[in-house]
Structure formats: structure tokens, C-alpha cells
Amino acid sequence: MSKSSKTIKWCRVEPGSKVSLADYDSSHHEDLDKKAGLEESAEQVAAMDDLIYRLYAENRRSLLVVLQGMDTSGKDGTIRHVLSGVSPQTCDVASFKQPTALELSHDFLWRIHRQTPPHGHVGIFNRSHYEDVLVVRVHKLVEPAVWKARYEQINAFERQLTDGGTTIVKIYLHISRHEQRDRLQARLDDPDKYWKISQADVAERKFWDDYTRAYEDALSKCSTDYAPWYIVPADHKWFRNLAVSRILRETLEQMDPKFPEPAPDVKKIVID
């Protein structure tokens, strides 16, 4: 079994399993050193570029990557890394913040479905429909009966997408509470990063345990064979990027996109 396959097997949440995030080491890095990790990560991204180009040319299927995690877990950094060597015409990024009045006037999946990737594209969600069983639950924005029903609705939605040709990979970026504190402090220590922090970010730390329980339920109830969750250690940013690139490359290799057959008369074309 390759290193990538071992990482993927360790990270993958098996359907029907009960997740306890305490069982996952957020600082895990497979005893790799950073230099080797960065070198391999660059190789993984280069391989992904070729596979994504083939997916774009094939234009029959799509890949949706869902990124979730506590504040400062590195969703933006992961996206920058994944897209670092990929043609921008093949990828779409959607970020889901507090819903607008228009979005709130529809069901909670309406705004999500509008952002799913078309055939030939890779779509990356920075936060997602899972916010409606996370922040909504933690801050008691709806009745428990409402958010509890959403696990089944989410699974049905993801089944619909996969039946339509979208492969789904969901990644939880797992950091420790201590690492989050260090990253928030680093923002306060650097004036160029003041824009990345607010009092609300600090206030949310009080709900760490509540968010942990909410994530554990989402990971347990919504990891399926057709839309699996992966728990990626994220205390070390370089290993986080490596693990995500391994998962995405192997997923694309399993999809095995092909260039379309050329037109029958292509060899007869003459350029004047």
C-alpha cells in the first residue's frame, strides 16, 4: 500500500462509525520532515493538474471538495495550495458566510445547490451546507427538531449530486484548541493580519466543546460510501496540504478522466 493510500485509509471516516475527535491526533505528520513533505506535495499538485485538465476536457463529470474546520484550521490556505498549480478555468471556489435575506427565504440547501460545479469542473466549498448543523446548532438558531432532520436531508442531497455525476470529497481540517490560540495570537502580533481577526473570533472559542460535539455528529451521520468524510490533521500546515493533495489526487485517479475521442476527420484538417 502506498503512502497516499495509507494516509487516506487513516483519515477516512467509515460509514456508520461513531467519531470521537479525541481519537485523532491533530499534530500527526507520519514522522515526515517538512522538506520532504513540501517536495512531495508539489509533486501531488502537479499530478492533480494533469488529471483536472483531463476532467475538464472530458466534460462529463465533476468533483466537489467540501472544506470544514474550526476557525484558523486553514481552509483558505488549503485552497491556495490545491489551486497553486491548477488552471483557474477548471476550478470554482464558493465561500458560505451568514445567509442573506434572499437565501433565508429558501430552504437551507438552495444557496448550496446553486454553487455546485458543472461538468468538467472542480468546485471547492469554503464552509458549506454543514454550517446548518454546526453554527445553527451551537447558537440555537433553529429548534433541535429542525437541525436534527438535516442530516438525512444532507445525505439525500449528496446522493442526488453523485447520481448526477459529481464525485464528493469532504475534508475536516482538525486542529487543536491550543494551536488555534497560537494562530489567533499570531494575527494579533502582526499588523498586516489585523484584518483577519475580530472579537467575534475570540468569542467563538467559548463554544469549542459545543462545536466539537456538533462536528462529531456531522462526521458520524454524514460519512457515506458516495460522499465520505476525511479527518485531516492540520496543526502542521505543510502536512495538512500534503494530506489533502494526496486525497484529491487519489480520488481523481479513481475517477480516471479521459480525453474525448477526436472528430473523425481531425487528421484531414489543414492549417493555411
C-alpha atoms as a PDB file:
ATOM      1  CA  MET A   1       0.000   0.000   0.000  1.00  0.00           C
ATOM      2  CA  SER A   2       1.371   3.435  -0.978  1.00  0.00           C
ATOM      3  CA  LYS A   3       1.925   6.277   1.491  1.00  0.00           C
ATOM      4  CA  SER A   4      -1.016   8.103  -0.046  1.00  0.00           C
ATOM      5  CA  SER A   5      -3.319   5.108   0.352  1.00  0.00           C
ATOM      6  CA  LYS A   6      -2.261   4.669   3.982  1.00  0.00           C
ATOM      7  CA  THR A   7      -2.973   8.339   4.703  1.00  0.00           C
ATOM      8  CA  ILE A   8      -6.356   8.126   3.025  1.00  0.00           C
ATOM      9  CA  LYS A   9      -7.312   4.953   4.882  1.00  0.00           C
ATOM     10  CA  TRP A  10      -6.346   6.510   8.226  1.00  0.00           C
ATOM     11  CA  CYS A  11      -8.169   9.781   7.507  1.00  0.00           C
ATOM     12  CA  ARG A  12     -11.360   8.329   6.039  1.00  0.00           C
ATOM     13  CA  VAL A  13     -14.416   8.110   8.287  1.00  0.00           C
ATOM     14  CA  GLU A  14     -16.004   4.748   7.633  1.00  0.00           C
ATOM     15  CA  PRO A  15     -19.779   4.923   7.120  1.00  0.00           C
ATOM     16  CA  GLY A  16     -21.694   4.062  10.257  1.00  0.00           C
ATOM     17  CA  SER A  17     -18.754   4.656  12.595  1.00  0.00           C
ATOM     18  CA  LYS A  18     -19.024   6.859  15.675  1.00  0.00           C
ATOM     19  CA  VAL A  19     -16.456   9.646  15.560  1.00  0.00           C
ATOM     20  CA  SER A  20     -14.622  10.964  18.590  1.00  0.00           C
ATOM     21  CA  LEU A  21     -12.191  13.680  17.547  1.00  0.00           C
ATOM     22  CA  ALA A  22     -10.119  12.937  20.653  1.00  0.00           C
ATOM     23  CA  ASP A  23      -9.064   9.735  18.864  1.00  0.00           C
ATOM     24  CA  TYR A  24      -7.433  11.748  16.069  1.00  0.00           C
ATOM     25  CA  ASP A  25      -4.057  13.404  16.623  1.00  0.00           C
ATOM     26  CA  SER A  26      -4.238  16.899  15.128  1.00  0.00           C
ATOM     27  CA  SER A  27      -0.420  17.137  15.116  1.00  0.00           C
ATOM     28  CA  HIS A  28       0.114  13.822  13.291  1.00  0.00           C
ATOM     29  CA  HIS A  29       2.586  14.062  10.391  1.00  0.00           C
ATOM     30  CA  GLU A  30       3.673  10.445   9.746  1.00  0.00           C
ATOM     31  CA  ASP A  31       7.189  11.220  11.029  1.00  0.00           C
ATOM     32  CA  LEU A  32       7.897  13.066   7.781  1.00  0.00           C
ATOM     33  CA  ASP A  33      10.140  16.101   7.844  1.00  0.00           C
ATOM     34  CA  LYS A  34       8.828  19.352   6.419  1.00  0.00           C
ATOM     35  CA  LYS A  35      11.246  19.476   3.464  1.00  0.00           C
ATOM     36  CA  ALA A  36      10.247  16.027   2.222  1.00  0.00           C
ATOM     37  CA  GLY A  37       6.605  16.872   2.777  1.00  0.00           C
ATOM     38  CA  LEU A  38       6.800  20.062   0.724  1.00  0.00           C
ATOM     39  CA  GLU A  39       8.596  18.268  -2.120  1.00  0.00           C
ATOM     40  CA  GLU A  40       6.019  15.503  -2.280  1.00  0.00           C
ATOM     41  CA  SER A  41       3.191  17.994  -2.012  1.00  0.00           C
ATOM     42  CA  ALA A  42       4.458  19.827  -5.104  1.00  0.00           C
ATOM     43  CA  GLU A  43       4.527  16.516  -6.983  1.00  0.00           C
ATOM     44  CA  GLN A  44       0.960  15.736  -5.930  1.00  0.00           C
ATOM     45  CA  VAL A  45      -0.319  19.127  -7.104  1.00  0.00           C
ATOM     46  CA  ALA A  46       1.442  18.722 -10.467  1.00  0.00           C
ATOM     47  CA  ALA A  47      -0.201  15.319 -10.953  1.00  0.00           C
ATOM     48  CA  MET A  48      -3.576  16.796  -9.978  1.00  0.00           C
ATOM     49  CA  ASP A  49      -3.211  19.484 -12.638  1.00  0.00           C
ATOM     50  CA  ASP A  50      -2.973  16.877 -15.390  1.00  0.00           C
ATOM     51  CA  LEU A  51      -5.940  14.907 -14.014  1.00  0.00           C
ATOM     52  CA  ILE A  52      -8.089  18.023 -13.631  1.00  0.00           C
ATOM     53  CA  TYR A  53      -7.218  19.078 -17.184  1.00  0.00           C
ATOM     54  CA  ARG A  54      -8.451  15.682 -18.379  1.00  0.00           C
ATOM     55  CA  LEU A  55     -11.644  16.097 -16.326  1.00  0.00           C
ATOM     56  CA  TYR A  56     -12.184  19.494 -17.953  1.00  0.00           C
ATOM     57  CA  ALA A  57     -11.656  18.074 -21.438  1.00  0.00           C
ATOM     58  CA  GLU A  58     -13.915  15.082 -20.755  1.00  0.00           C
ATOM     59  CA  ASN A  59     -16.708  17.428 -19.597  1.00  0.00           C
ATOM     60  CA  ARG A  60     -18.962  14.626 -18.320  1.00  0.00           C
ATOM     61  CA  ARG A  61     -18.378  14.622 -14.567  1.00  0.00           C
ATOM     62  CA  SER A  62     -17.316  16.991 -11.783  1.00  0.00           C
ATOM     63  CA  LEU A  63     -15.532  16.937  -8.433  1.00  0.00           C
ATOM     64  CA  LEU A  64     -16.805  18.742  -5.338  1.00  0.00           C
ATOM     65  CA  VAL A  65     -14.412  19.316  -2.439  1.00  0.00           C
ATOM     66  CA  VAL A  66     -16.026  20.389   0.841  1.00  0.00           C
ATOM     67  CA  LEU A  67     -13.718  22.010   3.413  1.00  0.00           C
ATOM     68  CA  GLN A  68     -14.815  22.433   7.007  1.00  0.00           C
ATOM     69  CA  GLY A  69     -12.948  23.102  10.238  1.00  0.00           C
ATOM     70  CA  MET A  70     -12.686  25.292  13.275  1.00  0.00           C
ATOM     71  CA  ASP A  71     -11.627  28.923  12.805  1.00  0.00           C
ATOM     72  CA  THR A  72      -7.936  29.147  11.769  1.00  0.00           C
ATOM     73  CA  SER A  73      -7.841  25.489  10.690  1.00  0.00           C
ATOM     74  CA  GLY A  74      -6.570  26.615   7.296  1.00  0.00           C
ATOM     75  CA  LYS A  75      -9.405  26.428   4.795  1.00  0.00           C
ATOM     76  CA  ASP A  76      -8.109  29.423   2.805  1.00  0.00           C
ATOM     77  CA  GLY A  77      -4.520  28.169   2.944  1.00  0.00           C
ATOM     78  CA  THR A  78      -5.566  24.725   1.779  1.00  0.00           C
ATOM     79  CA  ILE A  79      -7.436  26.211  -1.172  1.00  0.00           C
ATOM     80  CA  ARG A  80      -4.405  28.320  -2.158  1.00  0.00           C
ATOM     81  CA  HIS A  81      -2.259  25.189  -2.080  1.00  0.00           C
ATOM     82  CA  VAL A  82      -4.679  22.980  -4.009  1.00  0.00           C
ATOM     83  CA  LEU A  83      -5.094  25.625  -6.714  1.00  0.00           C
ATOM     84  CA  SER A  84      -1.419  26.634  -6.842  1.00  0.00           C
ATOM     85  CA  GLY A  85      -0.665  24.606  -9.954  1.00  0.00           C
ATOM     86  CA  VAL A  86      -4.131  24.246 -11.451  1.00  0.00           C
ATOM     87  CA  SER A  87      -5.617  26.211 -14.338  1.00  0.00           C
ATOM     88  CA  PRO A  88      -8.173  28.708 -12.951  1.00  0.00           C
ATOM     89  CA  GLN A  89     -10.608  27.913 -15.778  1.00  0.00           C
ATOM     90  CA  THR A  90     -11.109  24.418 -14.346  1.00  0.00           C
ATOM     91  CA  CYS A  91     -11.868  25.330 -10.711  1.00  0.00           C
ATOM     92  CA  ASP A  92     -14.548  27.300  -8.879  1.00  0.00           C
ATOM     93  CA  VAL A  93     -14.411  28.367  -5.217  1.00  0.00           C
ATOM     94  CA  ALA A  94     -17.520  29.227  -3.200  1.00  0.00           C
ATOM     95  CA  SER A  95     -17.492  30.613   0.335  1.00  0.00           C
ATOM     96  CA  PHE A  96     -20.571  30.400   2.511  1.00  0.00           C
ATOM     97  CA  LYS A  97     -20.938  33.043   5.163  1.00  0.00           C
ATOM     98  CA  GLN A  98     -24.004  34.276   7.039  1.00  0.00           C
ATOM     99  CA  PRO A  99     -27.041  33.758   4.758  1.00  0.00           C
ATOM    100  CA  THR A 100     -28.579  36.770   3.047  1.00  0.00           C
ATOM    101  CA  ALA A 101     -32.254  37.671   3.374  1.00  0.00           C
ATOM    102  CA  LEU A 102     -32.889  36.098  -0.042  1.00  0.00           C
ATOM    103  CA  GLU A 103     -31.110  32.879   0.953  1.00  0.00           C
ATOM    104  CA  LEU A 104     -33.036  32.691   4.210  1.00  0.00           C
ATOM    105  CA  SER A 105     -36.277  32.873   2.263  1.00  0.00           C
ATOM    106  CA  HIS A 106     -35.462  29.492   0.690  1.00  0.00           C
ATOM    107  CA  ASP A 107     -34.640  26.067   2.116  1.00  0.00           C
ATOM    108  CA  PHE A 108     -31.126  25.774   3.563  1.00  0.00           C
ATOM    109  CA  LEU A 109     -29.774  23.817   0.574  1.00  0.00           C
ATOM    110  CA  TRP A 110     -30.934  26.323  -2.057  1.00  0.00           C
ATOM    111  CA  ARG A 111     -27.843  28.521  -1.919  1.00  0.00           C
ATOM    112  CA  ILE A 112     -25.603  25.456  -1.876  1.00  0.00           C
ATOM    113  CA  HIS A 113     -27.067  23.763  -4.936  1.00  0.00           C
ATOM    114  CA  ARG A 114     -26.579  26.940  -6.977  1.00  0.00           C
ATOM    115  CA  GLN A 115     -22.812  26.737  -6.388  1.00  0.00           C
ATOM    116  CA  THR A 116     -22.216  23.066  -7.213  1.00  0.00           C
ATOM    117  CA  PRO A 117     -19.664  22.552 -10.011  1.00  0.00           C
ATOM    118  CA  PRO A 118     -20.776  21.958 -13.601  1.00  0.00           C
ATOM    119  CA  HIS A 119     -19.426  19.027 -15.594  1.00  0.00           C
ATOM    120  CA  GLY A 120     -15.715  19.320 -16.262  1.00  0.00           C
ATOM    121  CA  HIS A 121     -15.035  21.463 -13.197  1.00  0.00           C
ATOM    122  CA  VAL A 122     -13.689  21.109  -9.698  1.00  0.00           C
ATOM    123  CA  GLY A 123     -15.722  23.002  -7.118  1.00  0.00           C
ATOM    124  CA  ILE A 124     -14.313  23.855  -3.702  1.00  0.00           C
ATOM    125  CA  PHE A 125     -16.589  24.869  -0.860  1.00  0.00           C
ATOM    126  CA  ASN A 126     -15.055  27.022   1.876  1.00  0.00           C
ATOM    127  CA  ARG A 127     -17.607  26.069   4.523  1.00  0.00           C
ATOM    128  CA  SER A 128     -20.779  24.541   3.189  1.00  0.00           C
ATOM    129  CA  HIS A 129     -24.264  23.160   3.875  1.00  0.00           C
ATOM    130  CA  TYR A 130     -22.798  21.674   7.061  1.00  0.00           C
ATOM    131  CA  GLU A 131     -22.958  25.095   8.694  1.00  0.00           C
ATOM    132  CA  ASP A 132     -26.659  24.337   9.104  1.00  0.00           C
ATOM    133  CA  VAL A 133     -25.881  21.526  11.544  1.00  0.00           C
ATOM    134  CA  LEU A 134     -22.932  23.349  13.133  1.00  0.00           C
ATOM    135  CA  VAL A 135     -23.261  27.076  13.856  1.00  0.00           C
ATOM    136  CA  VAL A 136     -27.052  26.834  13.645  1.00  0.00           C
ATOM    137  CA  ARG A 137     -26.981  24.109  16.282  1.00  0.00           C
ATOM    138  CA  VAL A 138     -24.349  25.656  18.556  1.00  0.00           C
ATOM    139  CA  HIS A 139     -26.028  29.065  18.632  1.00  0.00           C
ATOM    140  CA  LYS A 140     -29.563  27.643  18.784  1.00  0.00           C
ATOM    141  CA  LEU A 141     -30.745  29.493  15.675  1.00  0.00           C
ATOM    142  CA  VAL A 142     -33.426  26.882  14.981  1.00  0.00           C
ATOM    143  CA  GLU A 143     -35.236  24.274  17.055  1.00  0.00           C
ATOM    144  CA  PRO A 144     -33.382  20.954  17.611  1.00  0.00           C
ATOM    145  CA  ALA A 145     -36.010  19.083  15.601  1.00  0.00           C
ATOM    146  CA  VAL A 146     -35.104  21.235  12.582  1.00  0.00           C
ATOM    147  CA  TRP A 147     -31.337  20.708  12.568  1.00  0.00           C
ATOM    148  CA  LYS A 148     -31.641  17.047  13.537  1.00  0.00           C
ATOM    149  CA  ALA A 149     -33.695  16.403  10.398  1.00  0.00           C
ATOM    150  CA  ARG A 150     -30.995  17.973   8.256  1.00  0.00           C
ATOM    151  CA  TYR A 151     -28.524  15.071   8.478  1.00  0.00           C
ATOM    152  CA  GLU A 152     -30.854  12.900   6.417  1.00  0.00           C
ATOM    153  CA  GLN A 153     -31.617  15.801   4.080  1.00  0.00           C
ATOM    154  CA  ILE A 154     -27.895  16.404   3.538  1.00  0.00           C
ATOM    155  CA  ASN A 155     -27.265  12.744   2.763  1.00  0.00           C
ATOM    156  CA  ALA A 156     -30.125  12.749   0.247  1.00  0.00           C
ATOM    157  CA  PHE A 157     -28.794  15.945  -1.364  1.00  0.00           C
ATOM    158  CA  GLU A 158     -25.298  14.497  -1.710  1.00  0.00           C
ATOM    159  CA  ARG A 159     -26.746  11.281  -3.142  1.00  0.00           C
ATOM    160  CA  GLN A 160     -28.565  13.367  -5.743  1.00  0.00           C
ATOM    161  CA  LEU A 161     -25.336  15.115  -6.718  1.00  0.00           C
ATOM    162  CA  THR A 162     -23.373  11.883  -7.039  1.00  0.00           C
ATOM    163  CA  ASP A 163     -26.149  10.294  -9.101  1.00  0.00           C
ATOM    164  CA  GLY A 164     -25.796  13.284 -11.431  1.00  0.00           C
ATOM    165  CA  GLY A 165     -22.069  12.727 -11.968  1.00  0.00           C
ATOM    166  CA  THR A 166     -20.441  14.708  -9.147  1.00  0.00           C
ATOM    167  CA  THR A 167     -17.814  12.977  -7.025  1.00  0.00           C
ATOM    168  CA  ILE A 168     -17.807  14.410  -3.487  1.00  0.00           C
ATOM    169  CA  VAL A 169     -14.868  14.587  -1.092  1.00  0.00           C
ATOM    170  CA  LYS A 170     -15.440  16.165   2.326  1.00  0.00           C
ATOM    171  CA  ILE A 171     -12.459  17.190   4.424  1.00  0.00           C
ATOM    172  CA  TYR A 172     -12.469  18.230   8.067  1.00  0.00           C
ATOM    173  CA  LEU A 173      -9.301  20.168   8.949  1.00  0.00           C
ATOM    174  CA  HIS A 174      -8.554  19.045  12.500  1.00  0.00           C
ATOM    175  CA  ILE A 175      -6.623  21.444  14.738  1.00  0.00           C
ATOM    176  CA  SER A 176      -6.176  21.559  18.494  1.00  0.00           C
ATOM    177  CA  ARG A 177      -7.556  24.303  20.680  1.00  0.00           C
ATOM    178  CA  HIS A 178      -4.001  25.235  21.661  1.00  0.00           C
ATOM    179  CA  GLU A 179      -2.954  25.553  18.002  1.00  0.00           C
ATOM    180  CA  GLN A 180      -5.962  27.752  17.321  1.00  0.00           C
ATOM    181  CA  ARG A 181      -4.912  30.038  20.162  1.00  0.00           C
ATOM    182  CA  ASP A 182      -1.394  30.329  18.717  1.00  0.00           C
ATOM    183  CA  ARG A 183      -2.735  31.189  15.279  1.00  0.00           C
ATOM    184  CA  LEU A 184      -5.085  33.833  16.625  1.00  0.00           C
ATOM    185  CA  GLN A 185      -2.241  35.317  18.669  1.00  0.00           C
ATOM    186  CA  ALA A 186      -0.031  35.384  15.570  1.00  0.00           C
ATOM    187  CA  ARG A 187      -2.652  37.530  13.869  1.00  0.00           C
ATOM    188  CA  LEU A 188      -2.671  39.939  16.778  1.00  0.00           C
ATOM    189  CA  ASP A 189       1.122  40.123  16.688  1.00  0.00           C
ATOM    190  CA  ASP A 190       1.235  41.082  13.001  1.00  0.00           C
ATOM    191  CA  PRO A 191      -0.416  44.391  11.960  1.00  0.00           C
ATOM    192  CA  ASP A 192      -0.716  43.075   8.399  1.00  0.00           C
ATOM    193  CA  LYS A 193      -3.048  40.377   9.724  1.00  0.00           C
ATOM    194  CA  TYR A 194      -5.302  42.543  11.873  1.00  0.00           C
ATOM    195  CA  TRP A 195      -7.947  42.331   9.168  1.00  0.00           C
ATOM    196  CA  LYS A 196      -8.123  38.552   9.714  1.00  0.00           C
ATOM    197  CA  ILE A 197      -9.254  38.717  13.337  1.00  0.00           C
ATOM    198  CA  SER A 198     -12.160  40.182  15.267  1.00  0.00           C
ATOM    199  CA  GLN A 199     -13.588  39.998  18.762  1.00  0.00           C
ATOM    200  CA  ALA A 200     -16.160  37.546  17.415  1.00  0.00           C
ATOM    201  CA  ASP A 201     -13.389  35.083  16.521  1.00  0.00           C
ATOM    202  CA  VAL A 202     -12.178  35.092  20.113  1.00  0.00           C
ATOM    203  CA  ALA A 203     -15.721  34.839  21.473  1.00  0.00           C
ATOM    204  CA  GLU A 204     -16.342  31.692  19.436  1.00  0.00           C
ATOM    205  CA  ARG A 205     -13.599  29.888  21.357  1.00  0.00           C
ATOM    206  CA  LYS A 206     -16.000  29.648  24.297  1.00  0.00           C
ATOM    207  CA  PHE A 207     -18.050  27.241  22.208  1.00  0.00           C
ATOM    208  CA  TRP A 208     -15.148  24.908  21.361  1.00  0.00           C
ATOM    209  CA  ASP A 209     -16.672  21.883  23.075  1.00  0.00           C
ATOM    210  CA  ASP A 210     -20.088  22.555  21.555  1.00  0.00           C
ATOM    211  CA  TYR A 211     -18.592  22.772  18.078  1.00  0.00           C
ATOM    212  CA  THR A 212     -16.600  19.602  18.694  1.00  0.00           C
ATOM    213  CA  ARG A 213     -19.758  17.675  19.538  1.00  0.00           C
ATOM    214  CA  ALA A 214     -21.548  19.153  16.532  1.00  0.00           C
ATOM    215  CA  TYR A 215     -18.705  18.173  14.205  1.00  0.00           C
ATOM    216  CA  GLU A 216     -18.545  14.674  15.664  1.00  0.00           C
ATOM    217  CA  ASP A 217     -22.227  14.165  14.916  1.00  0.00           C
ATOM    218  CA  ALA A 218     -21.906  15.537  11.382  1.00  0.00           C
ATOM    219  CA  LEU A 219     -18.874  13.346  10.668  1.00  0.00           C
ATOM    220  CA  SER A 220     -20.607  10.287  12.121  1.00  0.00           C
ATOM    221  CA  LYS A 221     -24.001  10.744  10.492  1.00  0.00           C
ATOM    222  CA  CYS A 222     -22.926  12.036   7.076  1.00  0.00           C
ATOM    223  CA  SER A 223     -19.902   9.983   6.019  1.00  0.00           C
ATOM    224  CA  THR A 224     -21.195   7.679   3.298  1.00  0.00           C
ATOM    225  CA  ASP A 225     -19.699   5.469   0.620  1.00  0.00           C
ATOM    226  CA  TYR A 226     -20.734   8.010  -2.011  1.00  0.00           C
ATOM    227  CA  ALA A 227     -19.684  11.146  -0.058  1.00  0.00           C
ATOM    228  CA  PRO A 228     -17.040  10.236   2.556  1.00  0.00           C
ATOM    229  CA  TRP A 229     -15.565  12.467   5.216  1.00  0.00           C
ATOM    230  CA  TYR A 230     -11.804  12.641   5.806  1.00  0.00           C
ATOM    231  CA  ILE A 231     -10.299  13.943   9.050  1.00  0.00           C
ATOM    232  CA  VAL A 232      -7.005  15.647   8.169  1.00  0.00           C
ATOM    233  CA  PRO A 233      -4.509  16.632  10.892  1.00  0.00           C
ATOM    234  CA  ALA A 234      -3.994  20.375  10.485  1.00  0.00           C
ATOM    235  CA  ASP A 235      -1.677  21.560  13.271  1.00  0.00           C
ATOM    236  CA  HIS A 236       1.206  21.362  10.775  1.00  0.00           C
ATOM    237  CA  LYS A 237       0.177  23.370   7.740  1.00  0.00           C
ATOM    238  CA  TRP A 238       2.612  21.623   5.401  1.00  0.00           C
ATOM    239  CA  PHE A 239       1.289  18.174   6.344  1.00  0.00           C
ATOM    240  CA  ARG A 240      -2.302  19.383   6.069  1.00  0.00           C
ATOM    241  CA  ASN A 241      -1.611  20.440   2.489  1.00  0.00           C
ATOM    242  CA  LEU A 242       0.172  17.178   1.706  1.00  0.00           C
ATOM    243  CA  ALA A 243      -2.640  15.030   3.106  1.00  0.00           C
ATOM    244  CA  VAL A 244      -5.321  16.956   1.202  1.00  0.00           C
ATOM    245  CA  SER A 245      -3.352  16.759  -2.059  1.00  0.00           C
ATOM    246  CA  ARG A 246      -2.913  13.008  -1.565  1.00  0.00           C
ATOM    247  CA  ILE A 247      -6.634  12.526  -1.033  1.00  0.00           C
ATOM    248  CA  LEU A 248      -7.605  14.617  -4.056  1.00  0.00           C
ATOM    249  CA  ARG A 249      -5.040  13.056  -6.367  1.00  0.00           C
ATOM    250  CA  GLU A 250      -6.125   9.528  -5.490  1.00  0.00           C
ATOM    251  CA  THR A 251      -9.780  10.499  -5.882  1.00  0.00           C
ATOM    252  CA  LEU A 252      -9.075  11.910  -9.351  1.00  0.00           C
ATOM    253  CA  GLU A 253      -7.083   8.814 -10.299  1.00  0.00           C
ATOM    254  CA  GLN A 254     -10.044   6.645  -9.301  1.00  0.00           C
ATOM    255  CA  MET A 255     -12.310   8.837 -11.433  1.00  0.00           C
ATOM    256  CA  ASP A 256      -9.821   8.260 -14.285  1.00  0.00           C
ATOM    257  CA  PRO A 257     -10.973  11.077 -16.602  1.00  0.00           C
ATOM    258  CA  LYS A 258     -10.285  10.563 -20.312  1.00  0.00           C
ATOM    259  CA  PHE A 259      -9.721  12.906 -23.200  1.00  0.00           C
ATOM    260  CA  PRO A 260     -12.709  12.762 -25.569  1.00  0.00           C
ATOM    261  CA  GLU A 261     -12.378  10.933 -28.860  1.00  0.00           C
ATOM    262  CA  PRO A 262     -11.245  13.274 -31.660  1.00  0.00           C
ATOM    263  CA  ALA A 263     -13.508  14.160 -34.553  1.00  0.00           C
ATOM    264  CA  PRO A 264     -13.305  11.508 -37.327  1.00  0.00           C
ATOM    265  CA  ASP A 265     -11.820  13.969 -39.817  1.00  0.00           C
ATOM    266  CA  VAL A 266      -9.332  15.646 -37.478  1.00  0.00           C
ATOM    267  CA  LYS A 267      -6.329  14.355 -39.431  1.00  0.00           C
ATOM    268  CA  LYS A 268      -7.701  15.927 -42.573  1.00  0.00           C
ATOM    269  CA  ILE A 269      -7.630  19.409 -41.124  1.00  0.00           C
ATOM    270  CA  VAL A 270      -5.128  21.669 -42.884  1.00  0.00           C
ATOM    271  CA  ILE A 271      -3.953  24.956 -41.424  1.00  0.00           C
ATOM    272  CA  ASP A 272      -3.292  27.524 -44.157  1.00  0.00           C
END
